[in-house]
Amino acid sequence: MRSRKMKRSSTRFGTIAWTMVFTLAATLVVLNFSSGEKKLDEQIKREYSVQDAQYQQALWWPR
């Protein structure tokens, strides 16, 4: 009778532990997708076009 009680107790503990793990994982997934990045409403002003020589110089400038 004692071993049956031990099995039930360990099974209950395992169920509680797995429930906690899955709840934590689900919470982290939801927080990861819901916090998101801030959205910018301001448009960036273009100073020169892609074909402009100044753009080409800035693009290929050695770093």
N, C-alpha and C. Protein backbone atom coordinates (compact mmCIF):
# COMPACT_ATOMS: atom_id res chain seq x y z
N MET A 1 0.82 -1.18 0.00
CA MET A 1 0.00 0.00 0.00
C MET A 1 0.86 1.25 0.00
N ARG A 2 1.99 1.15 0.68
CA ARG A 2 2.87 2.31 0.78
C ARG A 2 3.48 2.67 -0.58
N SER A 3 3.86 1.67 -1.37
CA SER A 3 4.47 1.94 -2.68
C SER A 3 3.45 2.57 -3.63
N ARG A 4 2.21 2.18 -3.51
CA ARG A 4 1.17 2.77 -4.34
C ARG A 4 1.01 4.26 -4.03
N LYS A 5 1.10 4.60 -2.74
CA LYS A 5 0.99 6.00 -2.32
C LYS A 5 2.20 6.79 -2.81
N MET A 6 3.37 6.17 -2.79
CA MET A 6 4.59 6.83 -3.26
C MET A 6 4.50 7.08 -4.76
N LYS A 7 3.98 6.11 -5.53
CA LYS A 7 3.86 6.27 -6.98
C LYS A 7 2.88 7.41 -7.30
N ARG A 8 1.79 7.46 -6.59
CA ARG A 8 0.80 8.50 -6.83
C ARG A 8 1.38 9.87 -6.47
N SER A 9 2.14 9.93 -5.41
CA SER A 9 2.76 11.18 -4.99
C SER A 9 3.80 11.66 -6.00
N SER A 10 4.63 10.74 -6.49
CA SER A 10 5.65 11.12 -7.47
C SER A 10 5.01 11.48 -8.80
N THR A 11 3.94 10.80 -9.16
CA THR A 11 3.23 11.12 -10.39
C THR A 11 2.60 12.51 -10.29
N ARG A 12 2.03 12.83 -9.16
CA ARG A 12 1.44 14.13 -8.96
C ARG A 12 2.51 15.22 -9.01
N PHE A 13 3.64 14.96 -8.39
CA PHE A 13 4.74 15.94 -8.42
C PHE A 13 5.24 16.16 -9.85
N GLY A 14 5.36 15.08 -10.60
CA GLY A 14 5.79 15.19 -11.99
C GLY A 14 4.81 15.98 -12.83
N THR A 15 3.52 15.75 -12.61
CA THR A 15 2.50 16.49 -13.34
C THR A 15 2.56 17.97 -13.01
N ILE A 16 2.73 18.30 -11.76
CA ILE A 16 2.83 19.70 -11.34
C ILE A 16 4.08 20.34 -11.93
N ALA A 17 5.19 19.63 -11.92
CA ALA A 17 6.44 20.17 -12.46
C ALA A 17 6.32 20.42 -13.95
N TRP A 18 5.78 19.46 -14.71
CA TRP A 18 5.62 19.65 -16.17
C TRP A 18 4.64 20.78 -16.48
N THR A 19 3.60 20.90 -15.68
CA THR A 19 2.64 22.00 -15.88
C THR A 19 3.32 23.34 -15.68
N MET A 20 4.18 23.44 -14.68
CA MET A 20 4.91 24.69 -14.43
C MET A 20 5.86 24.99 -15.58
N VAL A 21 6.54 23.98 -16.08
CA VAL A 21 7.48 24.17 -17.20
C VAL A 21 6.75 24.64 -18.45
N PHE A 22 5.65 23.98 -18.78
CA PHE A 22 4.89 24.36 -19.98
C PHE A 22 4.26 25.75 -19.83
N THR A 23 3.80 26.09 -18.63
CA THR A 23 3.23 27.41 -18.39
C THR A 23 4.30 28.48 -18.56
N LEU A 24 5.48 28.25 -18.04
CA LEU A 24 6.58 29.20 -18.19
C LEU A 24 6.97 29.36 -19.65
N ALA A 25 7.06 28.26 -20.37
CA ALA A 25 7.42 28.31 -21.80
C ALA A 25 6.36 29.07 -22.59
N ALA A 26 5.10 28.82 -22.33
CA ALA A 26 4.02 29.51 -23.04
C ALA A 26 4.04 31.00 -22.73
N THR A 27 4.30 31.36 -21.48
CA THR A 27 4.38 32.77 -21.09
C THR A 27 5.52 33.47 -21.81
N LEU A 28 6.67 32.82 -21.90
CA LEU A 28 7.81 33.42 -22.58
C LEU A 28 7.53 33.60 -24.07
N VAL A 29 6.87 32.65 -24.69
CA VAL A 29 6.54 32.76 -26.11
C VAL A 29 5.58 33.92 -26.34
N VAL A 30 4.55 34.03 -25.51
CA VAL A 30 3.58 35.11 -25.66
C VAL A 30 4.24 36.46 -25.43
N LEU A 31 5.07 36.58 -24.43
CA LEU A 31 5.76 37.86 -24.16
C LEU A 31 6.72 38.21 -25.29
N ASN A 32 7.35 37.22 -25.86
CA ASN A 32 8.29 37.47 -26.96
C ASN A 32 7.58 38.04 -28.17
N PHE A 33 6.41 37.52 -28.50
CA PHE A 33 5.69 37.98 -29.68
C PHE A 33 4.87 39.24 -29.42
N SER A 34 4.49 39.50 -28.18
CA SER A 34 3.61 40.63 -27.92
C SER A 34 4.35 41.93 -27.65
N SER A 35 5.57 41.87 -27.15
CA SER A 35 6.27 43.11 -26.80
C SER A 35 6.71 43.88 -28.03
N GLY A 36 7.11 43.23 -29.07
CA GLY A 36 7.42 43.83 -30.36
C GLY A 36 8.29 45.07 -30.33
N GLU A 37 8.67 45.51 -31.49
CA GLU A 37 9.49 46.70 -31.62
C GLU A 37 8.61 47.92 -31.77
N LYS A 38 9.17 49.08 -31.43
CA LYS A 38 8.45 50.32 -31.61
C LYS A 38 8.38 50.63 -33.10
N LYS A 39 7.27 51.16 -33.52
CA LYS A 39 7.10 51.51 -34.92
C LYS A 39 7.38 53.00 -35.11
N LEU A 40 8.11 53.31 -36.14
CA LEU A 40 8.44 54.69 -36.44
C LEU A 40 7.40 55.28 -37.38
N ASP A 41 6.91 56.45 -37.04
CA ASP A 41 5.93 57.12 -37.89
C ASP A 41 6.57 58.18 -38.77
N GLU A 42 7.79 58.54 -38.47
CA GLU A 42 8.46 59.61 -39.20
C GLU A 42 9.13 59.05 -40.45
N GLN A 43 8.94 59.73 -41.55
CA GLN A 43 9.58 59.34 -42.80
C GLN A 43 10.99 59.93 -42.86
N ILE A 44 11.92 59.16 -43.36
CA ILE A 44 13.31 59.62 -43.49
C ILE A 44 13.45 60.39 -44.78
N LYS A 45 14.04 61.57 -44.67
CA LYS A 45 14.23 62.41 -45.84
C LYS A 45 15.41 61.87 -46.66
N ARG A 46 15.20 61.74 -47.96
CA ARG A 46 16.28 61.28 -48.83
C ARG A 46 17.09 62.49 -49.28
N GLU A 47 18.39 62.43 -49.07
CA GLU A 47 19.25 63.54 -49.45
C GLU A 47 19.73 63.43 -50.88
N TYR A 48 19.84 62.23 -51.40
CA TYR A 48 20.25 62.03 -52.79
C TYR A 48 19.74 60.68 -53.27
N SER A 49 19.65 60.51 -54.58
CA SER A 49 19.10 59.28 -55.15
C SER A 49 20.18 58.20 -55.21
N VAL A 50 19.76 57.02 -55.56
CA VAL A 50 20.67 55.88 -55.64
C VAL A 50 21.68 56.07 -56.77
N GLN A 51 21.28 56.76 -57.81
CA GLN A 51 22.19 56.98 -58.94
C GLN A 51 23.16 58.13 -58.69
N ASP A 52 23.00 58.88 -57.65
CA ASP A 52 23.84 60.03 -57.37
C ASP A 52 25.26 59.58 -57.01
N ALA A 53 26.28 60.36 -57.43
CA ALA A 53 27.69 60.03 -57.15
C ALA A 53 27.98 60.06 -55.65
N GLN A 54 27.32 60.95 -54.92
CA GLN A 54 27.52 61.04 -53.47
C GLN A 54 27.08 59.74 -52.78
N TYR A 55 25.99 59.16 -53.25
CA TYR A 55 25.52 57.89 -52.71
C TYR A 55 26.53 56.78 -52.99
N GLN A 56 27.02 56.72 -54.20
CA GLN A 56 28.00 55.70 -54.56
C GLN A 56 29.25 55.81 -53.70
N GLN A 57 29.68 57.06 -53.45
CA GLN A 57 30.86 57.26 -52.63
C GLN A 57 30.61 56.79 -51.19
N ALA A 58 29.45 57.13 -50.66
CA ALA A 58 29.12 56.71 -49.30
C ALA A 58 28.99 55.19 -49.21
N LEU A 59 28.46 54.59 -50.24
CA LEU A 59 28.26 53.15 -50.26
C LEU A 59 29.57 52.38 -50.30
N TRP A 60 30.52 52.83 -51.07
CA TRP A 60 31.77 52.11 -51.27
C TRP A 60 32.92 52.66 -50.44
N TRP A 61 32.65 53.56 -49.52
CA TRP A 61 33.70 54.14 -48.69
C TRP A 61 34.35 53.04 -47.84
N PRO A 62 35.68 52.92 -47.85
CA PRO A 62 36.32 51.85 -47.05
C PRO A 62 36.13 52.10 -45.57
N ARG A 63 35.91 51.03 -44.86
CA ARG A 63 35.65 51.16 -43.42
C ARG A 63 36.78 50.60 -42.62
